[in-house]
Amino acid sequence: MKSTLSGYMQKDYESYIKAVLSVENSISDDEILQYLYDEYMQRDEMHLLIDMFIHFQMEHLYKLEKTDHTEQDSDLNGENEMDL
């Protein structure tokens, strides 16, 4: 798999990056993909996979925070485990 992906990267790097962005973010608009590719190529500090993982982590933290607030609201309403 690694050699296959490396081959795609060497053959057509732009299409490879756009494909990853499209698959991972459900983007099908060519103009948006071109914009994202151009931004990615212009920024030395941007790392494709790391940025994806950061997005995942932020999404995961948001879900945890939302769950935590829901539990706090339940506790305020007297619906904690001790009352059950």
C-alpha atoms as a PDB file:
ATOM      1  CA  MET A   1       0.000   0.000   0.000  1.00  0.00           C
ATOM      2  CA  LYS A   2       2.801   2.381   0.915  1.00  0.00           C
ATOM      3  CA  SER A   3       4.558   1.850  -2.407  1.00  0.00           C
ATOM      4  CA  THR A   4       1.285   2.348  -4.286  1.00  0.00           C
ATOM      5  CA  LEU A   5       0.632   5.654  -2.543  1.00  0.00           C
ATOM      6  CA  SER A   6       4.230   6.739  -3.075  1.00  0.00           C
ATOM      7  CA  GLY A   7       3.815   5.976  -6.780  1.00  0.00           C
ATOM      8  CA  TYR A   8       0.708   8.170  -6.962  1.00  0.00           C
ATOM      9  CA  MET A   9       2.542  10.970  -5.169  1.00  0.00           C
ATOM     10  CA  GLN A  10       5.486  10.803  -7.575  1.00  0.00           C
ATOM     11  CA  LYS A  11       3.311  10.540 -10.679  1.00  0.00           C
ATOM     12  CA  ASP A  12       0.842  13.368  -9.939  1.00  0.00           C
ATOM     13  CA  TYR A  13       1.317  15.011  -6.551  1.00  0.00           C
ATOM     14  CA  GLU A  14      -1.418  17.601  -7.078  1.00  0.00           C
ATOM     15  CA  SER A  15      -4.058  14.990  -7.858  1.00  0.00           C
ATOM     16  CA  TYR A  16      -2.901  12.874  -4.934  1.00  0.00           C
ATOM     17  CA  ILE A  17      -3.293  15.741  -2.452  1.00  0.00           C
ATOM     18  CA  LYS A  18      -6.666  16.723  -3.881  1.00  0.00           C
ATOM     19  CA  ALA A  19      -7.837  13.104  -3.674  1.00  0.00           C
ATOM     20  CA  VAL A  20      -6.846  12.846  -0.019  1.00  0.00           C
ATOM     21  CA  LEU A  21      -8.588  16.134   0.769  1.00  0.00           C
ATOM     22  CA  SER A  22     -11.661  15.069  -1.167  1.00  0.00           C
ATOM     23  CA  VAL A  23     -11.949  11.656   0.458  1.00  0.00           C
ATOM     24  CA  GLU A  24     -11.160  12.768   3.995  1.00  0.00           C
ATOM     25  CA  ASN A  25     -13.350  15.879   3.957  1.00  0.00           C
ATOM     26  CA  SER A  26     -16.121  14.899   1.532  1.00  0.00           C
ATOM     27  CA  ILE A  27     -15.252  17.739  -0.828  1.00  0.00           C
ATOM     28  CA  SER A  28     -16.143  17.298  -4.463  1.00  0.00           C
ATOM     29  CA  ASP A  29     -16.001  20.898  -5.715  1.00  0.00           C
ATOM     30  CA  ASP A  30     -12.937  21.274  -7.965  1.00  0.00           C
ATOM     31  CA  GLU A  31     -12.581  24.989  -7.198  1.00  0.00           C
ATOM     32  CA  ILE A  32     -12.467  24.358  -3.459  1.00  0.00           C
ATOM     33  CA  LEU A  33      -9.993  21.512  -3.916  1.00  0.00           C
ATOM     34  CA  GLN A  34      -7.782  23.741  -6.073  1.00  0.00           C
ATOM     35  CA  TYR A  35      -7.904  26.509  -3.471  1.00  0.00           C
ATOM     36  CA  LEU A  36      -7.025  24.102  -0.657  1.00  0.00           C
ATOM     37  CA  TYR A  37      -4.208  22.586  -2.698  1.00  0.00           C
ATOM     38  CA  ASP A  38      -2.786  26.038  -3.507  1.00  0.00           C
ATOM     39  CA  GLU A  39      -2.926  27.043   0.168  1.00  0.00           C
ATOM     40  CA  TYR A  40      -1.309  23.777   1.207  1.00  0.00           C
ATOM     41  CA  MET A  41       1.531  24.250  -1.275  1.00  0.00           C
ATOM     42  CA  GLN A  42       2.153  27.867  -0.230  1.00  0.00           C
ATOM     43  CA  ARG A  43       2.470  27.133   3.478  1.00  0.00           C
ATOM     44  CA  ASP A  44       5.615  25.372   4.599  1.00  0.00           C
ATOM     45  CA  GLU A  45       4.232  24.957   8.107  1.00  0.00           C
ATOM     46  CA  MET A  46       1.144  23.055   6.929  1.00  0.00           C
ATOM     47  CA  HIS A  47       1.331  19.272   7.102  1.00  0.00           C
ATOM     48  CA  LEU A  48      -1.520  17.420   5.470  1.00  0.00           C
ATOM     49  CA  LEU A  49      -1.849  14.442   7.786  1.00  0.00           C
ATOM     50  CA  ILE A  50      -1.035  16.299  10.964  1.00  0.00           C
ATOM     51  CA  ASP A  51      -3.666  18.910  10.138  1.00  0.00           C
ATOM     52  CA  MET A  52      -6.193  16.134   9.551  1.00  0.00           C
ATOM     53  CA  PHE A  53      -5.358  14.604  12.918  1.00  0.00           C
ATOM     54  CA  ILE A  54      -5.630  17.989  14.608  1.00  0.00           C
ATOM     55  CA  HIS A  55      -9.073  18.408  13.045  1.00  0.00           C
ATOM     56  CA  PHE A  56     -10.027  14.967  14.363  1.00  0.00           C
ATOM     57  CA  GLN A  57      -8.710  15.771  17.811  1.00  0.00           C
ATOM     58  CA  MET A  58     -10.585  19.077  17.932  1.00  0.00           C
ATOM     59  CA  GLU A  59     -13.779  17.368  16.816  1.00  0.00           C
ATOM     60  CA  HIS A  60     -13.280  14.663  19.442  1.00  0.00           C
ATOM     61  CA  LEU A  61     -12.605  17.245  22.173  1.00  0.00           C
ATOM     62  CA  TYR A  62     -15.730  19.159  21.162  1.00  0.00           C
ATOM     63  CA  LYS A  63     -17.792  15.984  21.533  1.00  0.00           C
ATOM     64  CA  LEU A  64     -16.245  15.306  24.946  1.00  0.00           C
ATOM     65  CA  GLU A  65     -16.873  18.875  26.058  1.00  0.00           C
ATOM     66  CA  LYS A  66     -20.474  18.681  24.864  1.00  0.00           C
ATOM     67  CA  THR A  67     -20.947  15.389  26.730  1.00  0.00           C
ATOM     68  CA  ASP A  68     -19.383  16.904  29.857  1.00  0.00           C
ATOM     69  CA  HIS A  69     -21.769  19.869  29.747  1.00  0.00           C
ATOM     70  CA  THR A  70     -24.734  17.526  29.320  1.00  0.00           C
ATOM     71  CA  GLU A  71     -23.630  15.567  32.386  1.00  0.00           C
ATOM     72  CA  GLN A  72     -23.184  18.787  34.366  1.00  0.00           C
ATOM     73  CA  ASP A  73     -26.680  19.915  33.357  1.00  0.00           C
ATOM     74  CA  SER A  74     -28.075  16.578  34.528  1.00  0.00           C
ATOM     75  CA  ASP A  75     -26.293  16.950  37.857  1.00  0.00           C
ATOM     76  CA  LEU A  76     -27.754  20.429  38.288  1.00  0.00           C
ATOM     77  CA  ASN A  77     -31.216  19.012  37.681  1.00  0.00           C
ATOM     78  CA  GLY A  78     -30.691  16.391  40.387  1.00  0.00           C
ATOM     79  CA  GLU A  79     -30.221  13.545  37.930  1.00  0.00           C
ATOM     80  CA  ASN A  80     -26.912  12.144  39.058  1.00  0.00           C
ATOM     81  CA  GLU A  81     -26.026   8.524  39.684  1.00  0.00           C
ATOM     82  CA  MET A  82     -26.632   8.726  43.437  1.00  0.00           C
ATOM     83  CA  ASP A  83     -30.266   9.709  42.870  1.00  0.00           C
ATOM     84  CA  LEU A  84     -30.880   6.729  40.597  1.00  0.00           C
END
